[in-house]
């Protein structure tokens, strides 16, 4: 009989669209963030988020009701709400000097590294235009911070 210390932990199972291991933890930027658990090379897909497909009209109404907006408009008529998603990339925070970019491809919200991302580094993107319409203070701390989202 082997001791429990001889038993290997179960392998980490990630969905096929999550290409690199990441960790969700407290962020100095805002709330929780997503952090690299392994080196991520530049110009590769990190992962994506999946959520509820809704109309842009419904998304804009929901955005007024949530304290934290987790909605991306993927076309003129369609948006994706990530509030109930279990995908870690939904915790990606904004930075005015991001290390990744958000890309909308075939209705999917994907994340790609802009440069090498080191283990332990928070993965960030520029949100671009938001439903906050400049009323939310940016806390990214980048030297070129625009001040608001």
N, C-alpha and C. Protein backbone atom coordinates (compact mmCIF):
# COMPACT_ATOMS: atom_id res chain seq x y z
N UNK A 1 0.85 -1.18 0.00
CA UNK A 1 0.00 0.00 0.00
C UNK A 1 0.89 1.24 0.00
N UNK A 2 0.59 2.19 -0.86
CA UNK A 2 1.41 3.41 -0.92
C UNK A 2 0.79 4.49 -0.05
N UNK A 3 1.63 5.40 0.37
CA UNK A 3 1.14 6.51 1.18
C UNK A 3 0.49 7.55 0.26
N UNK A 4 -0.30 8.43 0.86
CA UNK A 4 -0.97 9.46 0.06
C UNK A 4 0.02 10.42 -0.56
N UNK A 5 1.24 10.53 0.01
CA UNK A 5 2.23 11.44 -0.58
C UNK A 5 2.79 10.88 -1.88
N UNK A 6 2.60 9.58 -2.14
CA UNK A 6 3.08 8.97 -3.38
C UNK A 6 2.09 9.14 -4.53
N UNK A 7 0.92 9.63 -4.24
CA UNK A 7 -0.11 9.79 -5.26
C UNK A 7 0.07 11.14 -5.95
N UNK A 8 0.20 11.09 -7.25
CA UNK A 8 0.37 12.33 -8.02
C UNK A 8 -0.96 13.06 -8.08
N UNK A 9 -0.92 14.39 -8.03
CA UNK A 9 -2.18 15.14 -8.16
C UNK A 9 -2.74 14.94 -9.57
N UNK A 10 -4.05 15.07 -9.70
CA UNK A 10 -4.63 14.90 -11.04
C UNK A 10 -4.10 16.00 -11.97
N UNK A 11 -3.94 15.68 -13.25
CA UNK A 11 -3.45 16.69 -14.18
C UNK A 11 -4.46 17.83 -14.31
N UNK A 12 -3.93 19.02 -14.56
CA UNK A 12 -4.80 20.17 -14.77
C UNK A 12 -5.44 20.01 -16.14
N UNK A 13 -6.75 20.04 -16.16
CA UNK A 13 -7.47 19.90 -17.42
C UNK A 13 -8.00 21.27 -17.80
N UNK A 14 -7.60 21.75 -18.93
CA UNK A 14 -8.09 23.03 -19.40
C UNK A 14 -8.78 22.81 -20.73
N UNK A 15 -9.77 23.65 -21.02
CA UNK A 15 -10.46 23.48 -22.30
C UNK A 15 -9.49 23.70 -23.45
N UNK A 16 -9.74 23.11 -24.60
CA UNK A 16 -8.80 23.21 -25.73
C UNK A 16 -8.57 24.65 -26.22
N UNK A 17 -9.50 25.55 -25.95
CA UNK A 17 -9.32 26.93 -26.40
C UNK A 17 -8.50 27.77 -25.42
N UNK A 18 -8.15 27.21 -24.25
CA UNK A 18 -7.25 27.87 -23.31
C UNK A 18 -5.86 27.28 -23.55
N UNK A 19 -5.01 28.01 -24.25
CA UNK A 19 -3.75 27.47 -24.75
C UNK A 19 -2.62 27.47 -23.72
N UNK A 20 -2.69 28.34 -22.71
CA UNK A 20 -1.64 28.42 -21.69
C UNK A 20 -2.28 28.37 -20.31
N UNK A 21 -1.51 27.85 -19.34
CA UNK A 21 -2.00 27.81 -17.97
C UNK A 21 -1.96 29.21 -17.37
N UNK A 22 -3.06 29.60 -16.77
CA UNK A 22 -3.18 30.91 -16.12
C UNK A 22 -3.80 30.71 -14.74
N UNK A 23 -3.68 31.73 -13.92
CA UNK A 23 -4.19 31.69 -12.56
C UNK A 23 -4.98 32.96 -12.30
N UNK A 24 -6.16 32.84 -11.71
CA UNK A 24 -6.96 34.01 -11.32
C UNK A 24 -6.64 34.30 -9.86
N UNK A 25 -6.25 35.54 -9.60
CA UNK A 25 -5.95 35.96 -8.23
C UNK A 25 -6.16 37.46 -8.11
N UNK A 26 -6.04 37.97 -6.89
CA UNK A 26 -6.21 39.40 -6.65
C UNK A 26 -5.25 40.19 -7.53
N UNK A 27 -5.74 41.33 -8.02
CA UNK A 27 -4.95 42.18 -8.90
C UNK A 27 -4.72 43.54 -8.26
N UNK A 28 -3.55 44.10 -8.48
CA UNK A 28 -3.29 45.47 -8.04
C UNK A 28 -4.03 46.48 -8.91
N UNK A 29 -4.45 46.07 -10.10
CA UNK A 29 -5.18 46.97 -11.00
C UNK A 29 -6.62 47.11 -10.54
N UNK A 30 -7.33 45.97 -10.43
CA UNK A 30 -8.74 46.02 -10.03
C UNK A 30 -9.25 44.62 -9.73
N UNK A 31 -9.81 44.42 -8.56
CA UNK A 31 -10.45 43.15 -8.23
C UNK A 31 -9.54 41.96 -8.44
N UNK A 32 -9.97 41.06 -9.31
CA UNK A 32 -9.18 39.90 -9.67
C UNK A 32 -8.61 40.10 -11.07
N UNK A 33 -7.50 39.45 -11.32
CA UNK A 33 -6.88 39.49 -12.64
C UNK A 33 -6.48 38.09 -13.02
N UNK A 34 -6.01 37.95 -14.26
CA UNK A 34 -5.55 36.65 -14.75
C UNK A 34 -4.04 36.77 -14.96
N UNK A 35 -3.30 35.79 -14.41
CA UNK A 35 -1.85 35.82 -14.40
C UNK A 35 -1.28 34.59 -15.09
N UNK A 36 -0.19 34.79 -15.83
CA UNK A 36 0.47 33.68 -16.52
C UNK A 36 1.09 32.73 -15.51
N UNK A 37 0.89 31.43 -15.70
CA UNK A 37 1.54 30.41 -14.86
C UNK A 37 2.76 29.84 -15.56
N UNK A 38 2.93 30.19 -16.82
CA UNK A 38 4.06 29.70 -17.61
C UNK A 38 4.44 30.80 -18.61
N UNK A 39 5.65 30.76 -19.16
CA UNK A 39 6.02 31.78 -20.14
C UNK A 39 5.09 31.71 -21.35
N UNK A 40 4.68 32.88 -21.83
CA UNK A 40 3.83 32.95 -23.02
C UNK A 40 4.61 33.74 -24.08
N UNK A 41 4.92 33.11 -25.21
CA UNK A 41 5.67 33.82 -26.24
C UNK A 41 4.83 34.88 -26.96
N UNK A 42 5.48 35.82 -27.62
CA UNK A 42 4.73 36.86 -28.34
C UNK A 42 3.96 36.30 -29.53
N UNK A 43 2.87 36.98 -29.87
CA UNK A 43 2.08 36.72 -31.07
C UNK A 43 1.40 35.36 -31.10
N UNK A 44 1.13 34.77 -29.94
CA UNK A 44 0.41 33.50 -29.89
C UNK A 44 -0.91 33.69 -29.15
N UNK A 45 -1.84 32.81 -29.45
CA UNK A 45 -3.13 32.84 -28.75
C UNK A 45 -2.94 32.33 -27.33
N UNK A 46 -3.45 33.10 -26.38
CA UNK A 46 -3.38 32.71 -24.97
C UNK A 46 -4.61 31.88 -24.63
N UNK A 47 -5.77 32.35 -25.05
CA UNK A 47 -7.02 31.67 -24.76
C UNK A 47 -8.18 32.51 -25.22
N UNK A 48 -9.37 32.14 -24.77
CA UNK A 48 -10.57 32.90 -25.13
C UNK A 48 -11.60 32.78 -24.02
N UNK A 49 -12.65 33.53 -24.15
CA UNK A 49 -13.75 33.45 -23.18
C UNK A 49 -15.01 33.09 -23.94
N UNK A 50 -15.80 32.30 -23.30
CA UNK A 50 -17.11 31.94 -23.86
C UNK A 50 -18.17 32.42 -22.88
N UNK A 51 -19.31 32.79 -23.41
CA UNK A 51 -20.38 33.31 -22.56
C UNK A 51 -21.72 33.24 -23.26
N UNK A 52 -22.66 34.00 -22.73
CA UNK A 52 -24.02 34.02 -23.25
C UNK A 52 -24.12 34.99 -24.42
N UNK A 53 -24.59 34.51 -25.56
CA UNK A 53 -24.78 35.35 -26.74
C UNK A 53 -26.11 36.09 -26.59
N UNK A 54 -26.05 37.43 -26.68
CA UNK A 54 -27.24 38.26 -26.55
C UNK A 54 -27.20 39.37 -27.60
N UNK A 55 -28.30 40.07 -27.74
CA UNK A 55 -28.33 41.19 -28.68
C UNK A 55 -27.55 42.37 -28.10
N UNK A 56 -27.07 43.24 -28.97
CA UNK A 56 -26.38 44.45 -28.52
C UNK A 56 -27.33 45.30 -27.68
N UNK A 57 -28.59 45.35 -28.07
CA UNK A 57 -29.59 46.12 -27.30
C UNK A 57 -29.69 45.59 -25.87
N UNK A 58 -29.78 44.27 -25.71
CA UNK A 58 -29.84 43.67 -24.37
C UNK A 58 -28.54 43.92 -23.61
N UNK A 59 -27.41 43.86 -24.32
CA UNK A 59 -26.11 44.09 -23.69
C UNK A 59 -26.02 45.49 -23.11
N UNK A 60 -26.49 46.48 -23.86
CA UNK A 60 -26.41 47.86 -23.38
C UNK A 60 -27.32 48.09 -22.18
N UNK A 61 -28.43 47.39 -22.12
CA UNK A 61 -29.31 47.48 -20.94
C UNK A 61 -28.62 46.82 -19.75
N UNK A 62 -28.07 45.62 -19.96
CA UNK A 62 -27.39 44.92 -18.87
C UNK A 62 -26.20 45.72 -18.34
N UNK A 63 -25.50 46.40 -19.24
CA UNK A 63 -24.32 47.18 -18.83
C UNK A 63 -24.68 48.27 -17.83
N UNK A 64 -25.90 48.76 -17.88
CA UNK A 64 -26.32 49.79 -16.93
C UNK A 64 -26.69 49.18 -15.57
N UNK A 65 -26.86 47.87 -15.53
CA UNK A 65 -27.31 47.19 -14.31
C UNK A 65 -26.17 46.52 -13.53
N UNK A 66 -25.04 46.32 -14.16
CA UNK A 66 -23.92 45.64 -13.52
C UNK A 66 -22.92 46.64 -12.98
N UNK A 67 -22.37 46.35 -11.80
CA UNK A 67 -21.28 47.17 -11.28
C UNK A 67 -20.01 46.91 -12.10
N UNK A 68 -19.79 45.65 -12.43
CA UNK A 68 -18.65 45.27 -13.27
C UNK A 68 -19.19 44.77 -14.60
N UNK A 69 -18.86 45.47 -15.66
CA UNK A 69 -19.35 45.12 -16.98
C UNK A 69 -18.41 44.06 -17.58
N UNK A 70 -18.96 42.90 -17.91
CA UNK A 70 -18.21 41.82 -18.54
C UNK A 70 -18.93 41.44 -19.82
N UNK A 71 -19.03 42.40 -20.71
CA UNK A 71 -19.75 42.21 -21.97
C UNK A 71 -18.88 42.73 -23.10
N UNK A 72 -18.83 41.98 -24.20
CA UNK A 72 -18.11 42.44 -25.40
C UNK A 72 -19.07 42.37 -26.57
N UNK A 73 -19.16 43.47 -27.31
CA UNK A 73 -19.95 43.49 -28.53
C UNK A 73 -19.07 42.91 -29.64
N UNK A 74 -19.55 41.84 -30.27
CA UNK A 74 -18.76 41.16 -31.30
C UNK A 74 -19.19 41.51 -32.72
N UNK A 75 -20.33 42.18 -32.85
CA UNK A 75 -20.80 42.67 -34.14
C UNK A 75 -21.81 43.79 -33.87
N UNK A 76 -22.39 44.32 -34.91
CA UNK A 76 -23.38 45.39 -34.74
C UNK A 76 -24.65 44.88 -34.04
N UNK A 77 -24.90 43.58 -34.13
CA UNK A 77 -26.14 43.02 -33.57
C UNK A 77 -25.92 42.06 -32.41
N UNK A 78 -24.69 41.55 -32.24
CA UNK A 78 -24.45 40.49 -31.26
C UNK A 78 -23.40 40.90 -30.23
N UNK A 79 -23.65 40.50 -28.98
CA UNK A 79 -22.70 40.71 -27.88
C UNK A 79 -22.61 39.42 -27.08
N UNK A 80 -21.56 39.32 -26.29
CA UNK A 80 -21.39 38.16 -25.41
C UNK A 80 -21.25 38.66 -23.98
N UNK A 81 -22.07 38.10 -23.10
CA UNK A 81 -22.04 38.45 -21.67
C UNK A 81 -21.28 37.33 -20.95
N UNK A 82 -20.23 37.73 -20.21
CA UNK A 82 -19.35 36.75 -19.56
C UNK A 82 -19.58 36.62 -18.06
N UNK A 83 -20.64 37.21 -17.52
CA UNK A 83 -20.86 37.17 -16.07
C UNK A 83 -20.93 35.75 -15.51
N UNK A 84 -21.47 34.82 -16.25
CA UNK A 84 -21.60 33.45 -15.75
C UNK A 84 -20.53 32.51 -16.30
N UNK A 85 -19.61 33.04 -17.08
CA UNK A 85 -18.56 32.22 -17.67
C UNK A 85 -17.61 31.71 -16.59
N UNK A 86 -17.09 30.52 -16.78
CA UNK A 86 -16.08 29.97 -15.87
C UNK A 86 -14.68 30.09 -16.47
N UNK A 87 -14.56 30.70 -17.63
CA UNK A 87 -13.27 30.84 -18.28
C UNK A 87 -12.42 31.90 -17.56
N UNK A 88 -11.17 31.56 -17.23
CA UNK A 88 -10.34 32.49 -16.46
C UNK A 88 -10.06 33.81 -17.18
N UNK A 89 -10.03 33.80 -18.49
CA UNK A 89 -9.69 35.02 -19.23
C UNK A 89 -10.74 36.12 -19.04
N UNK A 90 -11.88 35.80 -18.47
CA UNK A 90 -12.89 36.83 -18.22
C UNK A 90 -12.40 37.84 -17.18
N UNK A 91 -11.36 37.48 -16.43
CA UNK A 91 -10.81 38.38 -15.42
C UNK A 91 -9.67 39.25 -15.96
N UNK A 92 -9.50 39.30 -17.27
CA UNK A 92 -8.45 40.11 -17.86
C UNK A 92 -8.75 41.59 -17.64
N UNK A 93 -7.83 42.28 -16.97
CA UNK A 93 -7.99 43.70 -16.67
C UNK A 93 -7.46 44.56 -17.80
N UNK A 94 -7.88 45.82 -17.79
CA UNK A 94 -7.43 46.83 -18.75
C UNK A 94 -6.09 47.40 -18.31
N UNK A 95 -5.25 47.71 -19.28
CA UNK A 95 -4.05 48.51 -19.06
C UNK A 95 -3.85 49.41 -20.26
N UNK A 96 -3.38 50.62 -20.01
CA UNK A 96 -3.06 51.54 -21.10
C UNK A 96 -1.75 51.13 -21.78
N UNK A 97 -0.99 50.20 -21.15
CA UNK A 97 0.22 49.59 -21.73
C UNK A 97 0.07 48.07 -21.65
N UNK A 98 -0.83 47.51 -22.44
CA UNK A 98 -1.15 46.08 -22.33
C UNK A 98 -0.04 45.17 -22.84
N UNK A 99 -0.05 43.92 -22.37
CA UNK A 99 0.88 42.91 -22.88
C UNK A 99 0.16 41.91 -23.79
N UNK A 100 -1.14 42.10 -23.98
CA UNK A 100 -1.94 41.23 -24.85
C UNK A 100 -3.00 42.07 -25.55
N UNK A 101 -3.63 41.45 -26.53
CA UNK A 101 -4.73 42.16 -27.22
C UNK A 101 -5.94 41.24 -27.29
N UNK A 102 -7.10 41.87 -27.26
CA UNK A 102 -8.36 41.17 -27.41
C UNK A 102 -8.69 41.21 -28.89
N UNK A 103 -9.07 40.08 -29.43
CA UNK A 103 -9.38 39.98 -30.86
C UNK A 103 -10.71 39.26 -31.02
N UNK A 104 -11.58 39.81 -31.84
CA UNK A 104 -12.86 39.17 -32.11
C UNK A 104 -12.74 38.44 -33.45
N UNK A 105 -12.88 37.11 -33.38
CA UNK A 105 -12.76 36.28 -34.58
C UNK A 105 -13.94 35.35 -34.66
N UNK A 106 -14.69 35.44 -35.73
CA UNK A 106 -15.84 34.56 -35.97
C UNK A 106 -16.75 34.49 -34.74
N UNK A 107 -16.98 35.66 -34.12
CA UNK A 107 -17.88 35.74 -32.98
C UNK A 107 -17.28 35.29 -31.67
N UNK A 108 -15.98 34.96 -31.67
CA UNK A 108 -15.30 34.54 -30.44
C UNK A 108 -14.41 35.68 -29.93
N UNK A 109 -14.26 35.75 -28.61
CA UNK A 109 -13.39 36.74 -27.99
C UNK A 109 -12.10 36.02 -27.58
N UNK A 110 -11.02 36.33 -28.31
CA UNK A 110 -9.75 35.66 -28.12
C UNK A 110 -8.69 36.64 -27.62
N UNK A 111 -7.65 36.11 -26.97
CA UNK A 111 -6.57 36.92 -26.42
C UNK A 111 -5.25 36.45 -27.01
N UNK A 112 -4.42 37.40 -27.48
CA UNK A 112 -3.13 37.12 -28.08
C UNK A 112 -2.05 37.94 -27.39
N UNK A 113 -0.90 37.33 -27.15
CA UNK A 113 0.22 38.03 -26.51
C UNK A 113 0.82 39.04 -27.48
N UNK A 114 1.07 40.24 -27.00
CA UNK A 114 1.75 41.26 -27.80
C UNK A 114 3.27 41.13 -27.67
N UNK A 115 3.71 40.56 -26.56
CA UNK A 115 5.13 40.38 -26.27
C UNK A 115 5.24 39.17 -25.36
N UNK A 116 6.45 38.79 -25.02
CA UNK A 116 6.63 37.69 -24.08
C UNK A 116 6.02 38.08 -22.73
N UNK A 117 5.24 37.18 -22.16
CA UNK A 117 4.63 37.39 -20.85
C UNK A 117 5.25 36.37 -19.90
N UNK A 118 5.84 36.89 -18.83
CA UNK A 118 6.55 36.04 -17.87
C UNK A 118 5.60 35.39 -16.87
N UNK A 119 5.98 34.24 -16.33
CA UNK A 119 5.18 33.62 -15.28
C UNK A 119 4.99 34.60 -14.12
N UNK A 120 3.77 34.67 -13.59
CA UNK A 120 3.46 35.59 -12.50
C UNK A 120 3.01 36.96 -12.96
N UNK A 121 3.17 37.28 -14.23
CA UNK A 121 2.79 38.59 -14.77
C UNK A 121 1.30 38.61 -15.08
N UNK A 122 0.65 39.72 -14.72
CA UNK A 122 -0.77 39.85 -15.02
C UNK A 122 -0.95 40.08 -16.52
N UNK A 123 -1.90 39.38 -17.10
CA UNK A 123 -2.23 39.53 -18.53
C UNK A 123 -3.24 40.67 -18.63
N UNK A 124 -2.93 41.66 -19.46
CA UNK A 124 -3.79 42.83 -19.60
C UNK A 124 -4.02 43.15 -21.07
N UNK A 125 -5.14 43.81 -21.34
CA UNK A 125 -5.47 44.28 -22.69
C UNK A 125 -5.95 45.72 -22.60
N UNK A 126 -5.95 46.41 -23.71
CA UNK A 126 -6.61 47.72 -23.78
C UNK A 126 -8.06 47.45 -24.12
N UNK A 127 -8.97 47.90 -23.26
CA UNK A 127 -10.38 47.66 -23.51
C UNK A 127 -10.89 48.44 -24.73
N UNK A 128 -10.23 49.52 -25.08
CA UNK A 128 -10.74 50.35 -26.18
C UNK A 128 -12.00 51.06 -25.73
N UNK A 129 -12.94 51.19 -26.63
CA UNK A 129 -14.21 51.86 -26.31
C UNK A 129 -15.02 50.99 -25.35
N UNK A 130 -15.55 51.60 -24.28
CA UNK A 130 -16.30 50.83 -23.29
C UNK A 130 -17.67 51.44 -23.04
N UNK A 131 -18.48 50.70 -22.30
CA UNK A 131 -19.80 51.20 -21.89
C UNK A 131 -19.68 52.21 -20.76
N UNK A 132 -18.48 52.37 -20.23
CA UNK A 132 -18.27 53.32 -19.12
C UNK A 132 -18.24 54.77 -19.61
N UNK A 133 -17.98 54.93 -20.92
CA UNK A 133 -17.99 56.25 -21.57
C UNK A 133 -17.15 57.28 -20.83
N UNK A 134 -15.96 56.86 -20.35
CA UNK A 134 -15.03 57.78 -19.70
C UNK A 134 -15.35 58.10 -18.26
N UNK A 135 -16.36 57.46 -17.68
CA UNK A 135 -16.76 57.78 -16.30
C UNK A 135 -16.06 56.91 -15.26
N UNK A 136 -15.33 55.87 -15.69
CA UNK A 136 -14.67 54.97 -14.76
C UNK A 136 -13.18 55.31 -14.72
N UNK A 137 -12.66 55.52 -13.52
CA UNK A 137 -11.25 55.86 -13.36
C UNK A 137 -10.39 54.64 -13.70
N UNK A 138 -9.37 54.84 -14.51
CA UNK A 138 -8.43 53.77 -14.85
C UNK A 138 -7.41 53.66 -13.71
N UNK A 139 -7.11 52.42 -13.32
CA UNK A 139 -6.16 52.19 -12.23
C UNK A 139 -4.98 51.32 -12.69
N UNK A 140 -4.67 51.37 -13.98
CA UNK A 140 -3.63 50.48 -14.49
C UNK A 140 -2.23 50.85 -13.99
N UNK A 141 -2.01 52.11 -13.69
CA UNK A 141 -0.70 52.54 -13.18
C UNK A 141 0.37 52.69 -14.24
N UNK A 142 0.03 52.54 -15.51
CA UNK A 142 1.02 52.69 -16.58
C UNK A 142 1.45 54.15 -16.71
N UNK A 143 2.70 54.41 -17.08
CA UNK A 143 3.16 55.79 -17.25
C UNK A 143 2.32 56.59 -18.25
N UNK A 144 1.77 55.90 -19.24
CA UNK A 144 0.95 56.57 -20.26
C UNK A 144 -0.55 56.44 -19.98
N UNK A 145 -0.94 56.19 -18.73
CA UNK A 145 -2.35 55.98 -18.37
C UNK A 145 -3.21 57.15 -18.82
N UNK A 146 -4.32 56.80 -19.49
CA UNK A 146 -5.25 57.83 -19.99
C UNK A 146 -6.11 58.41 -18.86
N UNK A 147 -6.18 57.74 -17.72
CA UNK A 147 -6.91 58.26 -16.57
C UNK A 147 -8.33 57.74 -16.43
N UNK A 148 -9.00 57.45 -17.53
CA UNK A 148 -10.40 56.99 -17.49
C UNK A 148 -10.67 55.96 -18.57
N UNK A 149 -11.71 55.17 -18.30
CA UNK A 149 -12.20 54.20 -19.31
C UNK A 149 -13.53 54.68 -19.82
